Amino acid sequence: KMDRPEWATVNPINGEIYVTLTNNSNRGKDYPTDAANPRNYTDLYAGTKEQKGNVNGHIIRFREADDKTTAETFKWDIYLFGAEASMASNINLSGLTDNNDFSSPDGMW
């Protein structure tokens, strides 16, 4: 049900966990949007090929709820949405620019 999880990594300084969700062409068709997978839109690849779903992917961040190593619950948020800088604000939700736009996040270190 997630938008194709690829990699996960842990920030060695604060213990936050990041998971890349590459994309999901079935978001909105076979799988409805939800809090962790909130986007369903149409994008034109190279100006001609129509792509639907969560085309550009996103990154989710997890952290222990009370910032202790004994925590039994966690908090999460969407750390960053992938998008081309030129996309409309309802797609480029993170306000990416030409200096930092990206699509389909994958490996992380």
N, C-alpha and C. Protein backbone atom coordinates (compact mmCIF):
# COMPACT_ATOMS: atom_id res chain seq x y z
N LYS A 1 0.81 -1.20 0.00
CA LYS A 1 0.00 0.00 0.00
C LYS A 1 0.85 1.27 0.00
N MET A 2 2.11 1.15 0.37
CA MET A 2 2.99 2.32 0.34
C MET A 2 3.44 2.58 -1.09
N ASP A 3 3.88 3.80 -1.34
CA ASP A 3 4.32 4.19 -2.68
C ASP A 3 5.72 3.69 -2.98
N ARG A 4 5.84 2.38 -3.11
CA ARG A 4 7.06 1.65 -3.47
C ARG A 4 8.27 2.05 -2.64
N PRO A 5 8.32 1.58 -1.39
CA PRO A 5 9.49 1.84 -0.55
C PRO A 5 10.75 1.26 -1.19
N GLU A 6 11.83 2.01 -1.12
CA GLU A 6 13.09 1.58 -1.70
C GLU A 6 14.15 1.39 -0.62
N TRP A 7 14.62 2.45 -0.03
CA TRP A 7 15.70 2.38 0.95
C TRP A 7 15.26 3.04 2.25
N ALA A 8 15.96 2.68 3.31
CA ALA A 8 15.80 3.34 4.61
C ALA A 8 17.19 3.58 5.18
N THR A 9 17.33 4.65 5.93
CA THR A 9 18.60 4.94 6.58
C THR A 9 18.33 5.66 7.89
N VAL A 10 19.29 5.61 8.78
CA VAL A 10 19.17 6.24 10.09
C VAL A 10 20.18 7.38 10.19
N ASN A 11 19.71 8.54 10.63
CA ASN A 11 20.60 9.67 10.89
C ASN A 11 21.41 9.32 12.14
N PRO A 12 22.73 9.21 12.04
CA PRO A 12 23.54 8.79 13.19
C PRO A 12 23.60 9.82 14.32
N ILE A 13 23.20 11.05 14.04
CA ILE A 13 23.26 12.09 15.07
C ILE A 13 22.00 12.13 15.93
N ASN A 14 20.83 12.05 15.27
CA ASN A 14 19.58 12.19 16.06
C ASN A 14 18.70 10.94 16.04
N GLY A 15 19.09 9.89 15.31
CA GLY A 15 18.34 8.64 15.29
C GLY A 15 17.10 8.64 14.41
N GLU A 16 16.83 9.72 13.69
CA GLU A 16 15.67 9.73 12.80
C GLU A 16 15.87 8.73 11.67
N ILE A 17 14.77 8.10 11.23
CA ILE A 17 14.81 7.13 10.16
C ILE A 17 14.12 7.74 8.94
N TYR A 18 14.75 7.62 7.79
CA TYR A 18 14.21 8.14 6.54
C TYR A 18 13.96 6.98 5.60
N VAL A 19 12.78 6.97 4.94
CA VAL A 19 12.42 5.92 4.00
C VAL A 19 12.04 6.58 2.67
N THR A 20 12.70 6.16 1.59
CA THR A 20 12.35 6.70 0.27
C THR A 20 11.18 5.92 -0.30
N LEU A 21 10.20 6.63 -0.82
CA LEU A 21 9.05 6.05 -1.51
C LEU A 21 9.15 6.54 -2.96
N THR A 22 9.59 5.65 -3.84
CA THR A 22 9.97 6.04 -5.19
C THR A 22 8.80 6.63 -5.99
N ASN A 23 7.71 5.92 -6.12
CA ASN A 23 6.53 6.41 -6.85
C ASN A 23 5.46 5.33 -6.80
N ASN A 24 4.29 5.61 -7.36
CA ASN A 24 3.23 4.61 -7.41
C ASN A 24 2.25 5.00 -8.50
N SER A 25 2.31 4.31 -9.62
CA SER A 25 1.39 4.61 -10.72
C SER A 25 -0.03 4.15 -10.43
N ASN A 26 -0.23 3.35 -9.37
CA ASN A 26 -1.57 2.89 -9.00
C ASN A 26 -2.21 3.71 -7.88
N ARG A 27 -1.52 4.74 -7.40
CA ARG A 27 -2.10 5.60 -6.36
C ARG A 27 -3.31 6.30 -6.95
N GLY A 28 -4.44 6.16 -6.29
CA GLY A 28 -5.68 6.75 -6.77
C GLY A 28 -6.49 5.80 -7.62
N LYS A 29 -5.86 4.78 -8.19
CA LYS A 29 -6.57 3.79 -9.00
C LYS A 29 -6.84 2.56 -8.14
N ASP A 30 -5.81 1.83 -7.78
CA ASP A 30 -5.96 0.65 -6.93
C ASP A 30 -5.83 0.98 -5.45
N TYR A 31 -5.11 2.04 -5.15
CA TYR A 31 -4.87 2.43 -3.76
C TYR A 31 -5.28 3.88 -3.56
N PRO A 32 -6.21 4.14 -2.63
CA PRO A 32 -6.62 5.52 -2.37
C PRO A 32 -5.50 6.30 -1.69
N THR A 33 -5.58 7.60 -1.76
CA THR A 33 -4.62 8.41 -1.02
C THR A 33 -4.89 8.25 0.48
N ASP A 34 -3.87 8.48 1.28
CA ASP A 34 -3.99 8.44 2.73
C ASP A 34 -2.93 9.37 3.30
N ALA A 35 -2.82 9.46 4.62
CA ALA A 35 -1.90 10.42 5.25
C ALA A 35 -0.45 10.19 4.83
N ALA A 36 -0.01 8.95 4.71
CA ALA A 36 1.38 8.67 4.36
C ALA A 36 1.63 8.69 2.86
N ASN A 37 0.57 8.64 2.07
CA ASN A 37 0.65 8.62 0.60
C ASN A 37 -0.41 9.58 0.04
N PRO A 38 -0.22 10.89 0.24
CA PRO A 38 -1.32 11.83 -0.01
C PRO A 38 -1.48 12.34 -1.44
N ARG A 39 -0.58 12.01 -2.36
CA ARG A 39 -0.68 12.62 -3.69
C ARG A 39 -1.16 11.65 -4.75
N ASN A 40 -2.02 12.16 -5.62
CA ASN A 40 -2.48 11.48 -6.82
C ASN A 40 -2.70 12.57 -7.86
N TYR A 41 -1.90 12.56 -8.90
CA TYR A 41 -1.98 13.63 -9.89
C TYR A 41 -1.53 13.10 -11.25
N THR A 42 -1.71 13.91 -12.27
CA THR A 42 -1.28 13.57 -13.62
C THR A 42 -0.11 14.47 -13.99
N ASP A 43 0.92 13.87 -14.57
CA ASP A 43 2.12 14.60 -14.98
C ASP A 43 2.42 14.20 -16.42
N LEU A 44 2.97 15.12 -17.17
CA LEU A 44 3.36 14.80 -18.54
C LEU A 44 4.87 14.63 -18.60
N TYR A 45 5.31 13.41 -18.90
CA TYR A 45 6.73 13.11 -19.04
C TYR A 45 7.20 13.60 -20.41
N ALA A 46 8.23 14.41 -20.41
CA ALA A 46 8.78 14.98 -21.65
C ALA A 46 7.70 15.72 -22.44
N GLY A 47 6.68 16.20 -21.74
CA GLY A 47 5.64 16.99 -22.36
C GLY A 47 4.64 16.21 -23.19
N THR A 48 4.81 14.87 -23.27
CA THR A 48 3.92 14.10 -24.15
C THR A 48 3.31 12.86 -23.50
N LYS A 49 4.04 12.15 -22.66
CA LYS A 49 3.56 10.90 -22.09
C LYS A 49 2.86 11.16 -20.75
N GLU A 50 1.59 10.80 -20.65
CA GLU A 50 0.82 11.02 -19.43
C GLU A 50 1.14 9.97 -18.38
N GLN A 51 1.50 10.44 -17.18
CA GLN A 51 1.77 9.57 -16.04
C GLN A 51 0.80 9.94 -14.93
N LYS A 52 0.28 8.94 -14.21
CA LYS A 52 -0.68 9.21 -13.15
C LYS A 52 -0.26 8.55 -11.85
N GLY A 53 -0.80 9.02 -10.75
CA GLY A 53 -0.53 8.47 -9.42
C GLY A 53 0.36 9.40 -8.63
N ASN A 54 1.28 8.84 -7.87
CA ASN A 54 2.31 9.62 -7.21
C ASN A 54 3.56 9.45 -8.06
N VAL A 55 3.69 10.29 -9.05
CA VAL A 55 4.71 10.15 -10.08
C VAL A 55 6.11 10.40 -9.55
N ASN A 56 6.28 11.39 -8.67
CA ASN A 56 7.62 11.81 -8.25
C ASN A 56 8.07 11.27 -6.90
N GLY A 57 7.19 10.59 -6.18
CA GLY A 57 7.58 9.99 -4.91
C GLY A 57 7.80 11.00 -3.78
N HIS A 58 8.21 10.48 -2.61
CA HIS A 58 8.48 11.33 -1.45
C HIS A 58 9.32 10.58 -0.43
N ILE A 59 9.70 11.27 0.62
CA ILE A 59 10.52 10.68 1.69
C ILE A 59 9.78 10.87 3.00
N ILE A 60 9.64 9.78 3.76
CA ILE A 60 8.99 9.82 5.08
C ILE A 60 10.06 9.75 6.16
N ARG A 61 9.83 10.48 7.25
CA ARG A 61 10.76 10.50 8.38
C ARG A 61 10.05 9.97 9.63
N PHE A 62 10.72 9.07 10.35
CA PHE A 62 10.21 8.52 11.61
C PHE A 62 11.15 8.92 12.73
N ARG A 63 10.59 9.13 13.92
CA ARG A 63 11.42 9.35 15.11
C ARG A 63 10.68 8.86 16.33
N GLU A 64 11.44 8.43 17.31
CA GLU A 64 10.83 7.95 18.55
C GLU A 64 10.06 9.10 19.20
N ALA A 65 8.89 8.79 19.75
CA ALA A 65 8.00 9.83 20.26
C ALA A 65 8.59 10.62 21.41
N ASP A 66 9.35 9.97 22.28
CA ASP A 66 9.88 10.70 23.43
C ASP A 66 11.40 10.87 23.37
N ASP A 67 11.99 10.65 22.21
CA ASP A 67 13.43 10.82 22.00
C ASP A 67 14.29 10.02 22.96
N LYS A 68 13.81 8.87 23.38
CA LYS A 68 14.59 7.98 24.25
C LYS A 68 14.76 6.64 23.55
N THR A 69 15.82 5.96 23.86
CA THR A 69 16.05 4.66 23.23
C THR A 69 15.08 3.60 23.71
N THR A 70 14.33 3.88 24.76
CA THR A 70 13.35 2.92 25.26
C THR A 70 11.94 3.20 24.76
N ALA A 71 11.79 4.14 23.85
CA ALA A 71 10.48 4.52 23.35
C ALA A 71 9.77 3.33 22.71
N GLU A 72 8.47 3.27 22.89
CA GLU A 72 7.67 2.21 22.28
C GLU A 72 6.69 2.76 21.24
N THR A 73 6.74 4.06 21.01
CA THR A 73 5.91 4.70 20.00
C THR A 73 6.80 5.64 19.18
N PHE A 74 6.28 6.05 18.04
CA PHE A 74 7.04 6.96 17.20
C PHE A 74 6.13 8.00 16.58
N LYS A 75 6.73 9.05 16.07
CA LYS A 75 6.05 10.09 15.30
C LYS A 75 6.61 10.01 13.89
N TRP A 76 5.84 10.45 12.93
CA TRP A 76 6.33 10.47 11.56
C TRP A 76 5.78 11.68 10.84
N ASP A 77 6.44 12.05 9.76
CA ASP A 77 5.95 13.11 8.89
C ASP A 77 6.51 12.87 7.50
N ILE A 78 5.98 13.60 6.54
CA ILE A 78 6.56 13.54 5.20
C ILE A 78 7.66 14.58 5.18
N TYR A 79 8.88 14.10 5.03
CA TYR A 79 10.05 14.95 5.07
C TYR A 79 10.16 15.82 3.82
N LEU A 80 9.91 15.22 2.66
CA LEU A 80 10.09 15.95 1.41
C LEU A 80 9.32 15.26 0.29
N PHE A 81 8.64 16.06 -0.54
CA PHE A 81 7.94 15.56 -1.72
C PHE A 81 8.81 15.79 -2.95
N GLY A 82 8.97 14.76 -3.78
CA GLY A 82 9.68 14.93 -5.04
C GLY A 82 8.81 15.66 -6.05
N ALA A 83 9.44 16.46 -6.90
CA ALA A 83 8.72 17.19 -7.94
C ALA A 83 9.72 17.95 -8.81
N GLU A 84 9.30 18.26 -10.00
CA GLU A 84 10.07 19.18 -10.83
C GLU A 84 9.77 20.59 -10.32
N ALA A 85 10.76 21.44 -10.34
CA ALA A 85 10.60 22.80 -9.84
C ALA A 85 9.47 23.55 -10.56
N SER A 86 9.28 23.25 -11.83
CA SER A 86 8.29 23.98 -12.63
C SER A 86 6.86 23.51 -12.44
N MET A 87 6.64 22.47 -11.64
CA MET A 87 5.29 21.94 -11.46
C MET A 87 4.44 22.88 -10.61
N ALA A 88 3.13 22.75 -10.74
CA ALA A 88 2.19 23.58 -9.97
C ALA A 88 2.37 23.31 -8.47
N SER A 89 1.97 24.27 -7.66
CA SER A 89 2.17 24.17 -6.21
C SER A 89 1.41 23.00 -5.58
N ASN A 90 0.35 22.50 -6.22
CA ASN A 90 -0.35 21.34 -5.67
C ASN A 90 0.41 20.03 -5.95
N ILE A 91 1.45 20.07 -6.76
CA ILE A 91 2.33 18.93 -7.00
C ILE A 91 3.69 19.18 -6.33
N ASN A 92 4.24 20.36 -6.51
CA ASN A 92 5.52 20.72 -5.90
C ASN A 92 5.25 21.22 -4.48
N LEU A 93 4.81 20.33 -3.63
CA LEU A 93 4.38 20.69 -2.27
C LEU A 93 5.53 21.13 -1.37
N SER A 94 6.76 20.75 -1.70
CA SER A 94 7.91 21.15 -0.88
C SER A 94 8.57 22.43 -1.39
N GLY A 95 8.02 23.01 -2.44
CA GLY A 95 8.57 24.26 -2.96
C GLY A 95 9.98 24.11 -3.51
N LEU A 96 10.25 23.00 -4.20
CA LEU A 96 11.58 22.76 -4.75
C LEU A 96 11.89 23.75 -5.86
N THR A 97 13.18 24.05 -6.02
CA THR A 97 13.63 24.97 -7.06
C THR A 97 14.49 24.20 -8.06
N ASP A 98 14.99 24.91 -9.08
CA ASP A 98 15.88 24.27 -10.05
C ASP A 98 17.15 23.75 -9.39
N ASN A 99 17.49 24.25 -8.22
CA ASN A 99 18.70 23.81 -7.52
C ASN A 99 18.51 22.52 -6.75
N ASN A 100 17.26 22.12 -6.47
CA ASN A 100 17.08 20.93 -5.63
C ASN A 100 15.90 20.06 -6.01
N ASP A 101 15.33 20.20 -7.22
CA ASP A 101 14.21 19.33 -7.56
C ASP A 101 14.71 17.90 -7.78
N PHE A 102 13.82 16.94 -7.58
CA PHE A 102 14.16 15.53 -7.75
C PHE A 102 12.89 14.73 -7.98
N SER A 103 13.07 13.50 -8.45
CA SER A 103 11.95 12.62 -8.69
C SER A 103 12.36 11.20 -8.35
N SER A 104 11.42 10.41 -7.86
CA SER A 104 11.61 8.99 -7.57
C SER A 104 12.84 8.73 -6.70
N PRO A 105 12.82 9.20 -5.45
CA PRO A 105 13.96 8.98 -4.57
C PRO A 105 14.23 7.50 -4.38
N ASP A 106 15.49 7.16 -4.29
CA ASP A 106 15.88 5.74 -4.21
C ASP A 106 16.93 5.60 -3.12
N GLY A 107 18.15 5.27 -3.47
CA GLY A 107 19.19 5.02 -2.47
C GLY A 107 19.51 6.24 -1.63
N MET A 108 19.82 5.99 -0.38
CA MET A 108 20.20 7.08 0.54
C MET A 108 21.38 6.62 1.37
N TRP A 109 22.13 7.59 1.87
CA TRP A 109 23.26 7.28 2.73
C TRP A 109 23.29 8.27 3.86
